[in-house]
């Protein structure tokens, strides 16, 4: 699946979370993902937290909004692609 970062939130204790919209397929908690900015791969990491509004979820479908937190990387910017 693929998600596009729309906003960056700083959550105390968790660091930065990418407020994203899943644009294609689905995203699952625990999956290994790449963060892309333009044509450049910024990191490959694992999804640590996946939320739909305030609820922790295991899977997000295309079209839904979500908050994505990764295990290590947190230098998100608006427009980053998580795939």
N, C-alpha and C. Protein backbone atom coordinates (compact mmCIF):
# COMPACT_ATOMS: atom_id res chain seq x y z
N UNK A 1 0.82 -1.20 0.00
CA UNK A 1 0.00 0.00 0.00
C UNK A 1 0.85 1.24 0.00
N UNK A 2 0.18 2.37 -0.07
CA UNK A 2 0.88 3.65 -0.12
C UNK A 2 0.06 4.70 0.60
N UNK A 3 0.76 5.58 1.34
CA UNK A 3 0.11 6.69 2.03
C UNK A 3 0.91 7.95 1.80
N UNK A 4 0.22 9.09 1.75
CA UNK A 4 0.87 10.38 1.56
C UNK A 4 0.71 11.19 2.84
N UNK A 5 1.83 11.69 3.35
CA UNK A 5 1.82 12.52 4.55
C UNK A 5 1.14 13.85 4.29
N UNK A 6 0.15 14.19 5.13
CA UNK A 6 -0.58 15.45 4.96
C UNK A 6 -0.27 16.44 6.08
N UNK A 7 0.17 15.92 7.22
CA UNK A 7 0.48 16.78 8.36
C UNK A 7 1.41 16.00 9.27
N UNK A 8 2.22 16.73 10.06
CA UNK A 8 3.13 16.09 11.01
C UNK A 8 2.72 16.51 12.41
N UNK A 9 2.53 15.52 13.28
CA UNK A 9 2.13 15.78 14.66
C UNK A 9 3.25 15.34 15.59
N UNK A 10 3.53 16.16 16.62
CA UNK A 10 4.49 15.75 17.64
C UNK A 10 3.70 15.25 18.84
N UNK A 11 3.83 13.97 19.10
CA UNK A 11 3.12 13.34 20.22
C UNK A 11 4.15 13.09 21.32
N UNK A 12 3.93 13.68 22.48
CA UNK A 12 4.87 13.51 23.58
C UNK A 12 5.11 12.05 23.89
N UNK A 13 6.37 11.65 23.97
CA UNK A 13 6.71 10.27 24.27
C UNK A 13 6.80 9.38 23.05
N UNK A 14 6.06 9.70 22.01
CA UNK A 14 6.10 8.89 20.78
C UNK A 14 6.91 9.55 19.68
N UNK A 15 7.16 10.84 19.80
CA UNK A 15 7.87 11.56 18.74
C UNK A 15 6.92 12.02 17.66
N UNK A 16 7.43 12.18 16.45
CA UNK A 16 6.62 12.68 15.35
C UNK A 16 5.84 11.56 14.68
N UNK A 17 4.58 11.88 14.37
CA UNK A 17 3.67 10.95 13.69
C UNK A 17 3.25 11.61 12.38
N UNK A 18 3.22 10.82 11.30
CA UNK A 18 2.79 11.34 10.01
C UNK A 18 1.28 11.17 9.89
N UNK A 19 0.54 12.27 9.89
CA UNK A 19 -0.89 12.23 9.60
C UNK A 19 -1.03 12.04 8.11
N UNK A 20 -1.55 10.91 7.69
CA UNK A 20 -1.49 10.50 6.29
C UNK A 20 -2.85 10.03 5.78
N UNK A 21 -2.95 9.96 4.46
CA UNK A 21 -4.11 9.35 3.81
C UNK A 21 -3.61 8.18 2.98
N UNK A 22 -4.19 7.01 3.21
CA UNK A 22 -3.84 5.82 2.44
C UNK A 22 -4.43 5.99 1.04
N UNK A 23 -3.58 6.04 0.03
CA UNK A 23 -4.04 6.33 -1.33
C UNK A 23 -4.19 5.09 -2.19
N UNK A 24 -3.56 3.98 -1.76
CA UNK A 24 -3.53 2.81 -2.61
C UNK A 24 -3.36 1.56 -1.75
N UNK A 25 -4.17 0.55 -1.99
CA UNK A 25 -4.02 -0.71 -1.26
C UNK A 25 -4.35 -0.57 0.21
N UNK A 26 -3.52 -1.15 1.07
CA UNK A 26 -3.72 -1.04 2.51
C UNK A 26 -2.38 -1.00 3.22
N UNK A 27 -2.39 -0.55 4.46
CA UNK A 27 -1.19 -0.48 5.28
C UNK A 27 -1.47 -1.25 6.56
N UNK A 28 -0.52 -2.10 6.96
CA UNK A 28 -0.68 -2.91 8.17
C UNK A 28 0.37 -2.54 9.20
N UNK A 29 -0.07 -2.52 10.45
CA UNK A 29 0.84 -2.30 11.57
C UNK A 29 1.88 -3.41 11.59
N UNK A 30 3.14 -3.05 11.85
CA UNK A 30 4.22 -4.04 11.89
C UNK A 30 4.89 -4.27 10.54
N UNK A 31 4.34 -3.68 9.47
CA UNK A 31 4.91 -3.86 8.13
C UNK A 31 6.21 -3.08 7.99
N UNK A 32 7.09 -3.60 7.15
CA UNK A 32 8.29 -2.85 6.78
C UNK A 32 7.91 -1.90 5.66
N UNK A 33 8.31 -0.63 5.78
CA UNK A 33 7.94 0.38 4.79
C UNK A 33 9.16 1.23 4.42
N UNK A 34 9.02 1.92 3.30
CA UNK A 34 10.00 2.92 2.85
C UNK A 34 9.35 4.28 2.97
N UNK A 35 10.14 5.29 3.34
CA UNK A 35 9.66 6.66 3.31
C UNK A 35 10.39 7.35 2.16
N UNK A 36 9.60 7.88 1.22
CA UNK A 36 10.15 8.53 0.03
C UNK A 36 9.85 10.03 0.08
N UNK A 37 10.82 10.82 -0.35
CA UNK A 37 10.62 12.26 -0.53
C UNK A 37 11.10 12.56 -1.94
N UNK A 38 10.15 12.80 -2.83
CA UNK A 38 10.50 12.93 -4.25
C UNK A 38 10.96 11.57 -4.75
N UNK A 39 12.14 11.52 -5.38
CA UNK A 39 12.69 10.25 -5.90
C UNK A 39 13.62 9.58 -4.91
N UNK A 40 13.82 10.19 -3.76
CA UNK A 40 14.83 9.73 -2.81
C UNK A 40 14.21 8.88 -1.70
N UNK A 41 14.81 7.73 -1.42
CA UNK A 41 14.40 6.90 -0.28
C UNK A 41 15.08 7.46 0.96
N UNK A 42 14.29 7.93 1.94
CA UNK A 42 14.85 8.49 3.16
C UNK A 42 15.22 7.40 4.15
N UNK A 43 14.38 6.40 4.26
CA UNK A 43 14.62 5.33 5.23
C UNK A 43 13.77 4.13 4.91
N UNK A 44 14.17 2.99 5.43
CA UNK A 44 13.33 1.80 5.46
C UNK A 44 13.16 1.46 6.93
N UNK A 45 11.94 1.31 7.37
CA UNK A 45 11.65 1.17 8.79
C UNK A 45 10.40 0.31 8.97
N UNK A 46 10.02 0.11 10.20
CA UNK A 46 8.84 -0.72 10.53
C UNK A 46 7.77 0.17 11.17
N UNK A 47 6.50 -0.07 10.82
CA UNK A 47 5.39 0.69 11.40
C UNK A 47 5.21 0.25 12.86
N UNK A 48 5.40 1.20 13.78
CA UNK A 48 5.26 0.92 15.21
C UNK A 48 3.85 1.21 15.68
N UNK A 49 3.27 2.34 15.24
CA UNK A 49 1.91 2.68 15.62
C UNK A 49 1.11 3.03 14.38
N UNK A 50 -0.14 2.63 14.37
CA UNK A 50 -1.05 2.92 13.27
C UNK A 50 -2.40 3.26 13.90
N UNK A 51 -2.83 4.49 13.69
CA UNK A 51 -4.07 4.94 14.33
C UNK A 51 -5.03 5.51 13.30
N UNK A 52 -6.32 5.29 13.57
CA UNK A 52 -7.37 5.93 12.82
C UNK A 52 -8.08 6.81 13.84
N UNK A 53 -7.90 8.13 13.73
CA UNK A 53 -8.30 9.09 14.75
C UNK A 53 -7.59 8.69 16.05
N UNK A 54 -8.28 8.41 17.12
CA UNK A 54 -7.61 8.07 18.39
C UNK A 54 -7.44 6.56 18.59
N UNK A 55 -8.09 5.76 17.75
CA UNK A 55 -8.09 4.31 17.95
C UNK A 55 -6.87 3.65 17.29
N UNK A 56 -6.18 2.82 18.05
CA UNK A 56 -5.07 2.03 17.50
C UNK A 56 -5.68 0.92 16.63
N UNK A 57 -5.23 0.80 15.39
CA UNK A 57 -5.77 -0.21 14.47
C UNK A 57 -4.64 -1.05 13.90
N UNK A 58 -5.00 -2.22 13.33
CA UNK A 58 -4.01 -3.10 12.74
C UNK A 58 -3.86 -2.89 11.23
N UNK A 59 -4.90 -2.27 10.61
CA UNK A 59 -4.90 -2.15 9.15
C UNK A 59 -5.69 -0.91 8.73
N UNK A 60 -5.19 -0.22 7.71
CA UNK A 60 -5.87 0.94 7.13
C UNK A 60 -6.08 0.66 5.65
N UNK A 61 -7.30 0.88 5.17
CA UNK A 61 -7.64 0.65 3.76
C UNK A 61 -7.46 1.93 2.95
N UNK A 62 -7.36 1.80 1.63
CA UNK A 62 -7.25 2.94 0.73
C UNK A 62 -8.38 3.93 0.94
N UNK A 63 -8.05 5.22 0.98
CA UNK A 63 -9.04 6.28 1.16
C UNK A 63 -9.18 6.74 2.60
N UNK A 64 -8.72 5.92 3.55
CA UNK A 64 -8.83 6.28 4.97
C UNK A 64 -7.64 7.12 5.41
N UNK A 65 -7.88 7.95 6.43
CA UNK A 65 -6.81 8.73 7.03
C UNK A 65 -6.25 7.97 8.22
N UNK A 66 -4.97 8.20 8.51
CA UNK A 66 -4.34 7.48 9.61
C UNK A 66 -3.14 8.27 10.14
N UNK A 67 -2.73 7.90 11.33
CA UNK A 67 -1.49 8.41 11.89
C UNK A 67 -0.49 7.28 11.88
N UNK A 68 0.69 7.52 11.29
CA UNK A 68 1.71 6.48 11.16
C UNK A 68 2.93 6.88 11.98
N UNK A 69 3.32 6.01 12.89
CA UNK A 69 4.55 6.20 13.66
C UNK A 69 5.49 5.06 13.36
N UNK A 70 6.75 5.39 13.05
CA UNK A 70 7.73 4.36 12.72
C UNK A 70 8.63 4.08 13.92
N UNK A 71 9.33 2.94 13.88
CA UNK A 71 10.17 2.51 15.00
C UNK A 71 11.31 3.49 15.26
N UNK A 72 11.98 3.96 14.20
CA UNK A 72 13.16 4.81 14.37
C UNK A 72 12.97 6.19 13.74
N UNK A 73 12.58 6.23 12.47
CA UNK A 73 12.49 7.48 11.71
C UNK A 73 11.33 8.33 12.18
N UNK A 74 11.56 9.64 12.35
CA UNK A 74 10.45 10.53 12.67
C UNK A 74 10.61 11.92 12.05
N UNK A 75 11.48 12.05 11.07
CA UNK A 75 11.73 13.34 10.42
C UNK A 75 10.79 13.52 9.23
N UNK A 76 9.49 13.36 9.48
CA UNK A 76 8.49 13.45 8.41
C UNK A 76 8.31 14.88 7.94
N UNK A 77 7.93 15.04 6.66
CA UNK A 77 7.50 16.32 6.10
C UNK A 77 6.22 16.07 5.31
N UNK A 78 5.42 17.13 5.17
CA UNK A 78 4.20 17.03 4.36
C UNK A 78 4.60 16.64 2.94
N UNK A 79 3.88 15.68 2.37
CA UNK A 79 4.16 15.21 1.01
C UNK A 79 5.01 13.96 0.96
N UNK A 80 5.59 13.54 2.09
CA UNK A 80 6.35 12.29 2.10
C UNK A 80 5.43 11.13 1.75
N UNK A 81 5.98 10.15 1.07
CA UNK A 81 5.21 8.97 0.68
C UNK A 81 5.70 7.78 1.49
N UNK A 82 4.76 7.10 2.14
CA UNK A 82 5.07 5.90 2.91
C UNK A 82 4.55 4.73 2.11
N UNK A 83 5.45 3.79 1.76
CA UNK A 83 5.00 2.65 0.95
C UNK A 83 5.67 1.37 1.40
